Amino acid sequence: MAGLKGLKKKRRIQLIVFAFVLLAGSAALIGYAFQDGINFFRSPSQVVSDPPRENEVFRIGGLVEKGTLVRGQSETITFKVTDTNKSVPVSYKGVLPDLFAEGAGMVGTGSMQGDTFVATEILAKHDETYMPKEVVDALKEQGVYVAPSQ
């Protein structure tokens, strides 16, 4: 009987160790998967002062600078995004959201190629008072945020 109890105890310890190794392995895999999957928002001032790595995918947000929106002959659209402190030129190939306009808030996903942010996705406001939370926070940090009138 004493040998059987020792065997059960040994099996229980092996099971606990195996479960711990499995849990640690799955946590490591989740962390590795999120390594490239998380896109942090950056303001134009942050992009200018601390340029991202070449081909690093990230999100940039701010206001579409007035007078910079150019719709060319092809699908390529260029404009500048600003936080009223610094501006970054943006190039986007595709169809912009219907509510995309100069002076409006936007968030783009893409990477830097030279001095230009090449966007693969553009998100725009959905009504006259909406602005992405990250853009509002960045504008407040700059001290230039003006709350929309109710």
N, C-alpha and C. Protein backbone atom coordinates (compact mmCIF):
# COMPACT_ATOMS: atom_id res chain seq x y z
N MET A 1 0.81 -1.19 0.00
CA MET A 1 0.00 0.00 0.00
C MET A 1 0.85 1.26 0.00
N ALA A 2 1.95 1.26 0.75
CA ALA A 2 2.79 2.46 0.85
C ALA A 2 3.37 2.81 -0.52
N GLY A 3 3.68 1.82 -1.34
CA GLY A 3 4.22 2.06 -2.68
C GLY A 3 3.18 2.68 -3.60
N LEU A 4 1.91 2.28 -3.43
CA LEU A 4 0.83 2.82 -4.25
C LEU A 4 0.58 4.29 -3.95
N LYS A 5 0.65 4.68 -2.66
CA LYS A 5 0.47 6.08 -2.28
C LYS A 5 1.61 6.94 -2.81
N GLY A 6 2.82 6.41 -2.78
CA GLY A 6 3.97 7.14 -3.31
C GLY A 6 3.86 7.35 -4.81
N LEU A 7 3.32 6.35 -5.50
CA LEU A 7 3.13 6.45 -6.95
C LEU A 7 2.07 7.50 -7.29
N LYS A 8 0.98 7.54 -6.52
CA LYS A 8 -0.07 8.54 -6.75
C LYS A 8 0.48 9.94 -6.51
N LYS A 9 1.28 10.10 -5.47
CA LYS A 9 1.86 11.40 -5.15
C LYS A 9 2.82 11.83 -6.27
N LYS A 10 3.60 10.89 -6.78
CA LYS A 10 4.54 11.19 -7.85
C LYS A 10 3.79 11.60 -9.12
N ARG A 11 2.71 10.89 -9.45
CA ARG A 11 1.88 11.21 -10.62
C ARG A 11 1.25 12.60 -10.49
N ARG A 12 0.78 12.92 -9.28
CA ARG A 12 0.16 14.22 -9.04
C ARG A 12 1.18 15.34 -9.24
N ILE A 13 2.40 15.16 -8.75
CA ILE A 13 3.45 16.16 -8.93
C ILE A 13 3.80 16.30 -10.41
N GLN A 14 3.88 15.18 -11.13
CA GLN A 14 4.17 15.22 -12.56
C GLN A 14 3.07 15.97 -13.32
N LEU A 15 1.83 15.75 -12.94
CA LEU A 15 0.70 16.41 -13.58
C LEU A 15 0.74 17.92 -13.32
N ILE A 16 1.06 18.31 -12.10
CA ILE A 16 1.15 19.73 -11.76
C ILE A 16 2.30 20.39 -12.53
N VAL A 17 3.45 19.75 -12.61
CA VAL A 17 4.59 20.29 -13.35
C VAL A 17 4.24 20.40 -14.84
N PHE A 18 3.59 19.38 -15.39
CA PHE A 18 3.19 19.39 -16.79
C PHE A 18 2.20 20.54 -17.07
N ALA A 19 1.24 20.73 -16.18
CA ALA A 19 0.27 21.80 -16.35
C ALA A 19 0.96 23.17 -16.29
N PHE A 20 1.92 23.33 -15.38
CA PHE A 20 2.66 24.58 -15.27
C PHE A 20 3.47 24.86 -16.54
N VAL A 21 4.14 23.84 -17.07
CA VAL A 21 4.92 24.00 -18.30
C VAL A 21 4.00 24.35 -19.47
N LEU A 22 2.85 23.70 -19.55
CA LEU A 22 1.88 23.98 -20.59
C LEU A 22 1.36 25.42 -20.48
N LEU A 23 1.06 25.86 -19.28
CA LEU A 23 0.59 27.23 -19.06
C LEU A 23 1.66 28.25 -19.42
N ALA A 24 2.89 28.01 -19.01
CA ALA A 24 3.99 28.92 -19.33
C ALA A 24 4.23 28.96 -20.84
N GLY A 25 4.16 27.81 -21.49
CA GLY A 25 4.34 27.76 -22.95
C GLY A 25 3.25 28.52 -23.69
N SER A 26 2.01 28.38 -23.25
CA SER A 26 0.92 29.09 -23.92
C SER A 26 1.03 30.60 -23.67
N ALA A 27 1.45 31.00 -22.49
CA ALA A 27 1.65 32.43 -22.22
C ALA A 27 2.76 32.99 -23.11
N ALA A 28 3.82 32.24 -23.30
CA ALA A 28 4.92 32.68 -24.17
C ALA A 28 4.44 32.80 -25.62
N LEU A 29 3.64 31.87 -26.09
CA LEU A 29 3.12 31.93 -27.45
C LEU A 29 2.18 33.13 -27.64
N ILE A 30 1.36 33.41 -26.66
CA ILE A 30 0.46 34.57 -26.73
C ILE A 30 1.28 35.86 -26.77
N GLY A 31 2.29 35.95 -25.94
CA GLY A 31 3.16 37.13 -25.94
C GLY A 31 3.87 37.31 -27.27
N TYR A 32 4.34 36.22 -27.85
CA TYR A 32 5.01 36.28 -29.15
C TYR A 32 4.03 36.71 -30.24
N ALA A 33 2.80 36.23 -30.19
CA ALA A 33 1.80 36.59 -31.19
C ALA A 33 1.45 38.07 -31.11
N PHE A 34 1.40 38.63 -29.91
CA PHE A 34 1.08 40.04 -29.74
C PHE A 34 2.24 40.97 -30.06
N GLN A 35 3.43 40.42 -30.18
CA GLN A 35 4.62 41.23 -30.40
C GLN A 35 4.45 42.15 -31.62
N ASP A 36 3.98 41.63 -32.73
CA ASP A 36 3.79 42.43 -33.93
C ASP A 36 2.34 42.84 -34.13
N GLY A 37 1.44 42.28 -33.35
CA GLY A 37 0.03 42.54 -33.56
C GLY A 37 -0.50 43.79 -32.91
N ILE A 38 0.21 44.36 -31.97
CA ILE A 38 -0.26 45.53 -31.27
C ILE A 38 0.28 46.77 -31.98
N ASN A 39 -0.62 47.61 -32.44
CA ASN A 39 -0.23 48.85 -33.10
C ASN A 39 -0.52 50.01 -32.17
N PHE A 40 0.52 50.67 -31.70
CA PHE A 40 0.33 51.78 -30.79
C PHE A 40 0.08 53.06 -31.57
N PHE A 41 -0.77 53.91 -31.04
CA PHE A 41 -1.08 55.19 -31.65
C PHE A 41 0.07 56.17 -31.38
N ARG A 42 0.44 56.92 -32.40
CA ARG A 42 1.47 57.95 -32.25
C ARG A 42 0.95 59.24 -32.86
N SER A 43 1.28 60.35 -32.22
CA SER A 43 0.92 61.65 -32.78
C SER A 43 2.02 62.05 -33.77
N PRO A 44 1.74 63.00 -34.67
CA PRO A 44 2.78 63.46 -35.59
C PRO A 44 4.03 63.99 -34.87
N SER A 45 3.86 64.65 -33.73
CA SER A 45 5.02 65.14 -32.97
C SER A 45 5.90 63.99 -32.51
N GLN A 46 5.28 62.89 -32.07
CA GLN A 46 6.06 61.73 -31.64
C GLN A 46 6.78 61.09 -32.82
N VAL A 47 6.14 61.04 -33.98
CA VAL A 47 6.76 60.45 -35.17
C VAL A 47 7.96 61.27 -35.62
N VAL A 48 7.84 62.61 -35.57
CA VAL A 48 8.94 63.48 -35.98
C VAL A 48 10.09 63.42 -34.98
N SER A 49 9.79 63.46 -33.69
CA SER A 49 10.85 63.49 -32.68
C SER A 49 11.52 62.13 -32.48
N ASP A 50 10.78 61.06 -32.63
CA ASP A 50 11.32 59.70 -32.45
C ASP A 50 10.86 58.84 -33.62
N PRO A 51 11.54 58.94 -34.77
CA PRO A 51 11.09 58.21 -35.96
C PRO A 51 11.04 56.70 -35.74
N PRO A 52 10.00 56.05 -36.27
CA PRO A 52 9.89 54.59 -36.12
C PRO A 52 10.91 53.87 -36.99
N ARG A 53 11.11 52.59 -36.70
CA ARG A 53 12.01 51.76 -37.50
C ARG A 53 11.45 51.64 -38.92
N GLU A 54 12.33 51.38 -39.86
CA GLU A 54 11.92 51.16 -41.25
C GLU A 54 10.95 49.98 -41.32
N ASN A 55 9.83 50.17 -41.99
CA ASN A 55 8.78 49.17 -42.19
C ASN A 55 8.07 48.74 -40.91
N GLU A 56 8.21 49.50 -39.83
CA GLU A 56 7.46 49.22 -38.61
C GLU A 56 6.01 49.66 -38.80
N VAL A 57 5.08 48.75 -38.60
CA VAL A 57 3.66 49.08 -38.75
C VAL A 57 3.18 49.70 -37.44
N PHE A 58 2.54 50.87 -37.56
CA PHE A 58 2.02 51.56 -36.39
C PHE A 58 0.84 52.41 -36.82
N ARG A 59 0.18 53.02 -35.84
CA ARG A 59 -0.95 53.90 -36.12
C ARG A 59 -0.54 55.34 -35.85
N ILE A 60 -0.99 56.23 -36.72
CA ILE A 60 -0.76 57.65 -36.52
C ILE A 60 -2.13 58.32 -36.53
N GLY A 61 -2.27 59.32 -35.69
CA GLY A 61 -3.56 59.99 -35.63
C GLY A 61 -3.42 61.47 -35.40
N GLY A 62 -4.40 62.19 -35.82
CA GLY A 62 -4.42 63.64 -35.65
C GLY A 62 -5.52 64.22 -36.51
N LEU A 63 -5.31 65.46 -36.90
CA LEU A 63 -6.27 66.15 -37.75
C LEU A 63 -5.72 66.23 -39.17
N VAL A 64 -6.59 66.13 -40.15
CA VAL A 64 -6.18 66.30 -41.53
C VAL A 64 -5.94 67.80 -41.72
N GLU A 65 -4.69 68.16 -42.04
CA GLU A 65 -4.33 69.57 -42.16
C GLU A 65 -5.07 70.21 -43.33
N LYS A 66 -5.67 71.36 -43.08
CA LYS A 66 -6.45 72.06 -44.11
C LYS A 66 -5.56 72.51 -45.25
N GLY A 67 -6.05 72.34 -46.46
CA GLY A 67 -5.34 72.76 -47.66
C GLY A 67 -4.30 71.78 -48.16
N THR A 68 -4.21 70.59 -47.55
CA THR A 68 -3.19 69.63 -47.97
C THR A 68 -3.76 68.40 -48.67
N LEU A 69 -5.06 68.24 -48.70
CA LEU A 69 -5.69 67.06 -49.30
C LEU A 69 -5.63 67.17 -50.82
N VAL A 70 -4.92 66.22 -51.46
CA VAL A 70 -4.77 66.20 -52.91
C VAL A 70 -5.23 64.84 -53.43
N ARG A 71 -6.27 64.88 -54.26
CA ARG A 71 -6.75 63.66 -54.91
C ARG A 71 -6.22 63.68 -56.33
N GLY A 72 -5.31 62.76 -56.63
CA GLY A 72 -4.67 62.72 -57.94
C GLY A 72 -5.53 62.01 -58.97
N GLN A 73 -4.94 61.81 -60.16
CA GLN A 73 -5.64 61.12 -61.25
C GLN A 73 -5.89 59.65 -60.91
N SER A 74 -4.96 59.04 -60.18
CA SER A 74 -5.11 57.63 -59.82
C SER A 74 -5.83 57.53 -58.47
N GLU A 75 -5.74 56.36 -57.86
CA GLU A 75 -6.37 56.14 -56.55
C GLU A 75 -5.58 56.74 -55.41
N THR A 76 -4.36 57.22 -55.66
CA THR A 76 -3.49 57.71 -54.59
C THR A 76 -3.95 59.09 -54.10
N ILE A 77 -4.09 59.20 -52.80
CA ILE A 77 -4.49 60.44 -52.15
C ILE A 77 -3.36 60.83 -51.21
N THR A 78 -3.01 62.11 -51.20
CA THR A 78 -1.98 62.59 -50.28
C THR A 78 -2.57 63.72 -49.44
N PHE A 79 -2.09 63.81 -48.22
CA PHE A 79 -2.48 64.88 -47.30
C PHE A 79 -1.48 64.89 -46.16
N LYS A 80 -1.62 65.85 -45.27
CA LYS A 80 -0.78 65.90 -44.08
C LYS A 80 -1.67 65.73 -42.86
N VAL A 81 -1.16 64.96 -41.89
CA VAL A 81 -1.85 64.80 -40.61
C VAL A 81 -1.06 65.61 -39.59
N THR A 82 -1.79 66.34 -38.75
CA THR A 82 -1.15 67.24 -37.80
C THR A 82 -1.77 67.11 -36.41
N ASP A 83 -0.98 67.46 -35.42
CA ASP A 83 -1.49 67.60 -34.06
C ASP A 83 -1.43 69.08 -33.67
N THR A 84 -1.37 69.93 -34.68
CA THR A 84 -1.23 71.39 -34.61
C THR A 84 0.16 71.83 -34.16
N ASN A 85 1.04 70.90 -33.89
CA ASN A 85 2.41 71.21 -33.52
C ASN A 85 3.35 70.79 -34.65
N LYS A 86 3.22 69.56 -35.11
CA LYS A 86 4.02 69.01 -36.20
C LYS A 86 3.08 68.38 -37.21
N SER A 87 3.58 68.22 -38.44
CA SER A 87 2.80 67.59 -39.51
C SER A 87 3.61 66.47 -40.14
N VAL A 88 2.91 65.44 -40.59
CA VAL A 88 3.54 64.32 -41.27
C VAL A 88 2.78 64.09 -42.57
N PRO A 89 3.49 64.05 -43.74
CA PRO A 89 2.81 63.75 -44.99
C PRO A 89 2.33 62.30 -45.02
N VAL A 90 1.14 62.10 -45.57
CA VAL A 90 0.53 60.77 -45.65
C VAL A 90 0.17 60.48 -47.10
N SER A 91 0.41 59.25 -47.51
CA SER A 91 0.02 58.78 -48.83
C SER A 91 -0.87 57.56 -48.64
N TYR A 92 -1.99 57.53 -49.34
CA TYR A 92 -2.93 56.42 -49.20
C TYR A 92 -3.45 56.05 -50.57
N LYS A 93 -3.43 54.78 -50.88
CA LYS A 93 -3.94 54.29 -52.15
C LYS A 93 -5.20 53.50 -51.86
N GLY A 94 -6.32 54.03 -52.29
CA GLY A 94 -7.59 53.37 -52.04
C GLY A 94 -8.71 54.38 -51.94
N VAL A 95 -9.82 53.92 -51.44
CA VAL A 95 -10.99 54.77 -51.30
C VAL A 95 -11.09 55.23 -49.85
N LEU A 96 -11.18 56.55 -49.67
CA LEU A 96 -11.30 57.10 -48.32
C LEU A 96 -12.72 56.93 -47.80
N PRO A 97 -12.88 56.89 -46.48
CA PRO A 97 -14.23 56.85 -45.91
C PRO A 97 -15.02 58.08 -46.35
N ASP A 98 -16.33 57.94 -46.47
CA ASP A 98 -17.20 59.03 -46.94
C ASP A 98 -17.05 60.29 -46.11
N LEU A 99 -16.87 60.17 -44.81
CA LEU A 99 -16.82 61.33 -43.94
C LEU A 99 -15.43 61.90 -43.74
N PHE A 100 -14.44 61.40 -44.49
CA PHE A 100 -13.07 61.90 -44.39
C PHE A 100 -13.04 63.31 -44.98
N ALA A 101 -12.47 64.27 -44.24
CA ALA A 101 -12.41 65.65 -44.72
C ALA A 101 -11.26 66.40 -44.05
N GLU A 102 -10.90 67.53 -44.65
CA GLU A 102 -9.87 68.39 -44.06
C GLU A 102 -10.36 68.95 -42.73
N GLY A 103 -9.48 69.00 -41.77
CA GLY A 103 -9.82 69.52 -40.45
C GLY A 103 -10.48 68.49 -39.55
N ALA A 104 -10.71 67.29 -40.06
CA ALA A 104 -11.38 66.24 -39.29
C ALA A 104 -10.36 65.30 -38.67
N GLY A 105 -10.76 64.61 -37.62
CA GLY A 105 -9.89 63.64 -36.96
C GLY A 105 -9.78 62.37 -37.78
N MET A 106 -8.61 61.77 -37.76
CA MET A 106 -8.38 60.51 -38.47
C MET A 106 -7.31 59.70 -37.77
N VAL A 107 -7.36 58.40 -38.01
CA VAL A 107 -6.31 57.49 -37.56
C VAL A 107 -5.96 56.61 -38.75
N GLY A 108 -4.67 56.49 -39.04
CA GLY A 108 -4.22 55.67 -40.15
C GLY A 108 -3.26 54.60 -39.66
N THR A 109 -3.34 53.44 -40.30
CA THR A 109 -2.42 52.33 -40.01
C THR A 109 -1.50 52.17 -41.21
N GLY A 110 -0.21 52.04 -40.97
CA GLY A 110 0.74 51.88 -42.06
C GLY A 110 2.17 51.95 -41.54
N SER A 111 3.08 52.38 -42.42
CA SER A 111 4.49 52.48 -42.04
C SER A 111 5.13 53.66 -42.75
N MET A 112 6.27 54.06 -42.24
CA MET A 112 7.01 55.18 -42.82
C MET A 112 7.87 54.67 -43.96
N GLN A 113 7.85 55.41 -45.06
CA GLN A 113 8.75 55.17 -46.19
C GLN A 113 9.39 56.51 -46.50
N GLY A 114 10.61 56.67 -46.02
CA GLY A 114 11.26 57.98 -46.09
C GLY A 114 10.61 58.90 -45.07
N ASP A 115 10.19 60.07 -45.53
CA ASP A 115 9.53 61.02 -44.64
C ASP A 115 8.01 60.94 -44.73
N THR A 116 7.49 60.02 -45.53
CA THR A 116 6.05 59.91 -45.76
C THR A 116 5.48 58.68 -45.10
N PHE A 117 4.35 58.85 -44.43
CA PHE A 117 3.62 57.74 -43.84
C PHE A 117 2.75 57.15 -44.95
N VAL A 118 2.98 55.88 -45.28
CA VAL A 118 2.20 55.19 -46.31
C VAL A 118 1.15 54.36 -45.59
N ALA A 119 -0.09 54.80 -45.71
CA ALA A 119 -1.20 54.18 -44.98
C ALA A 119 -1.78 53.01 -45.76
N THR A 120 -2.13 51.97 -45.02
CA THR A 120 -2.85 50.84 -45.61
C THR A 120 -4.31 50.86 -45.20
N GLU A 121 -4.63 51.65 -44.17
CA GLU A 121 -6.00 51.78 -43.70
C GLU A 121 -6.19 53.17 -43.11
N ILE A 122 -7.31 53.79 -43.42
CA ILE A 122 -7.65 55.10 -42.89
C ILE A 122 -9.01 55.02 -42.22
N LEU A 123 -9.08 55.50 -40.99
CA LEU A 123 -10.34 55.57 -40.26
C LEU A 123 -10.66 57.05 -40.05
N ALA A 124 -11.93 57.40 -40.22
CA ALA A 124 -12.34 58.80 -40.07
C ALA A 124 -13.47 58.90 -39.07
N LYS A 125 -13.78 60.13 -38.72
CA LYS A 125 -14.87 60.37 -37.78
C LYS A 125 -16.19 59.84 -38.36
N HIS A 126 -17.14 59.53 -37.49
CA HIS A 126 -18.41 59.02 -37.98
C HIS A 126 -19.55 60.00 -37.80
N ASP A 127 -19.33 61.09 -37.10
CA ASP A 127 -20.30 62.18 -37.05
C ASP A 127 -19.55 63.47 -36.79
N GLU A 128 -20.26 64.57 -36.69
CA GLU A 128 -19.59 65.86 -36.60
C GLU A 128 -18.87 66.11 -35.28
N THR A 129 -19.09 65.30 -34.25
CA THR A 129 -18.43 65.53 -32.97
C THR A 129 -17.42 64.44 -32.60
N TYR A 130 -17.38 63.34 -33.34
CA TYR A 130 -16.49 62.23 -32.98
C TYR A 130 -15.05 62.52 -33.34
N MET A 131 -14.16 62.15 -32.43
CA MET A 131 -12.74 62.15 -32.69
C MET A 131 -12.16 60.98 -31.90
N PRO A 132 -11.27 60.17 -32.50
CA PRO A 132 -10.71 59.03 -31.77
C PRO A 132 -10.12 59.46 -30.44
N LYS A 133 -10.30 58.61 -29.41
CA LYS A 133 -9.83 58.92 -28.06
C LYS A 133 -8.35 59.26 -28.04
N GLU A 134 -7.57 58.50 -28.81
CA GLU A 134 -6.14 58.73 -28.83
C GLU A 134 -5.81 60.13 -29.37
N VAL A 135 -6.58 60.58 -30.39
CA VAL A 135 -6.34 61.89 -30.96
C VAL A 135 -6.68 62.97 -29.93
N VAL A 136 -7.81 62.81 -29.24
CA VAL A 136 -8.21 63.77 -28.21
C VAL A 136 -7.14 63.85 -27.12
N ASP A 137 -6.66 62.67 -26.67
CA ASP A 137 -5.62 62.65 -25.63
C ASP A 137 -4.35 63.36 -26.09
N ALA A 138 -3.94 63.12 -27.34
CA ALA A 138 -2.72 63.74 -27.86
C ALA A 138 -2.90 65.26 -27.98
N LEU A 139 -4.08 65.69 -28.43
CA LEU A 139 -4.33 67.13 -28.54
C LEU A 139 -4.39 67.79 -27.17
N LYS A 140 -4.97 67.09 -26.18
CA LYS A 140 -5.00 67.62 -24.82
C LYS A 140 -3.58 67.75 -24.27
N GLU A 141 -2.75 66.75 -24.57
CA GLU A 141 -1.36 66.76 -24.11
C GLU A 141 -0.60 67.95 -24.71
N GLN A 142 -0.93 68.30 -25.96
CA GLN A 142 -0.31 69.44 -26.63
C GLN A 142 -0.89 70.76 -26.12
N GLY A 143 -2.05 70.68 -25.44
CA GLY A 143 -2.70 71.88 -24.94
C GLY A 143 -3.50 72.63 -25.98
N VAL A 144 -3.92 71.94 -27.07
CA VAL A 144 -4.64 72.61 -28.14
C VAL A 144 -6.02 72.03 -28.39
N TYR A 145 -6.47 71.12 -27.54
CA TYR A 145 -7.77 70.49 -27.74
C TYR A 145 -8.90 71.48 -27.43
N VAL A 146 -9.85 71.55 -28.35
CA VAL A 146 -11.03 72.38 -28.14
C VAL A 146 -12.23 71.43 -28.21
N ALA A 147 -12.98 71.33 -27.12
CA ALA A 147 -14.13 70.43 -27.07
C ALA A 147 -15.18 70.92 -28.05
N PRO A 148 -15.84 69.97 -28.76
CA PRO A 148 -16.89 70.38 -29.69
C PRO A 148 -18.06 70.99 -28.95
N SER A 149 -18.71 71.96 -29.58
CA SER A 149 -19.87 72.60 -28.94
C SER A 149 -21.05 71.65 -29.00
N GLN A 150 -21.82 71.62 -27.93
CA GLN A 150 -22.95 70.70 -27.84
C GLN A 150 -24.17 71.27 -28.50
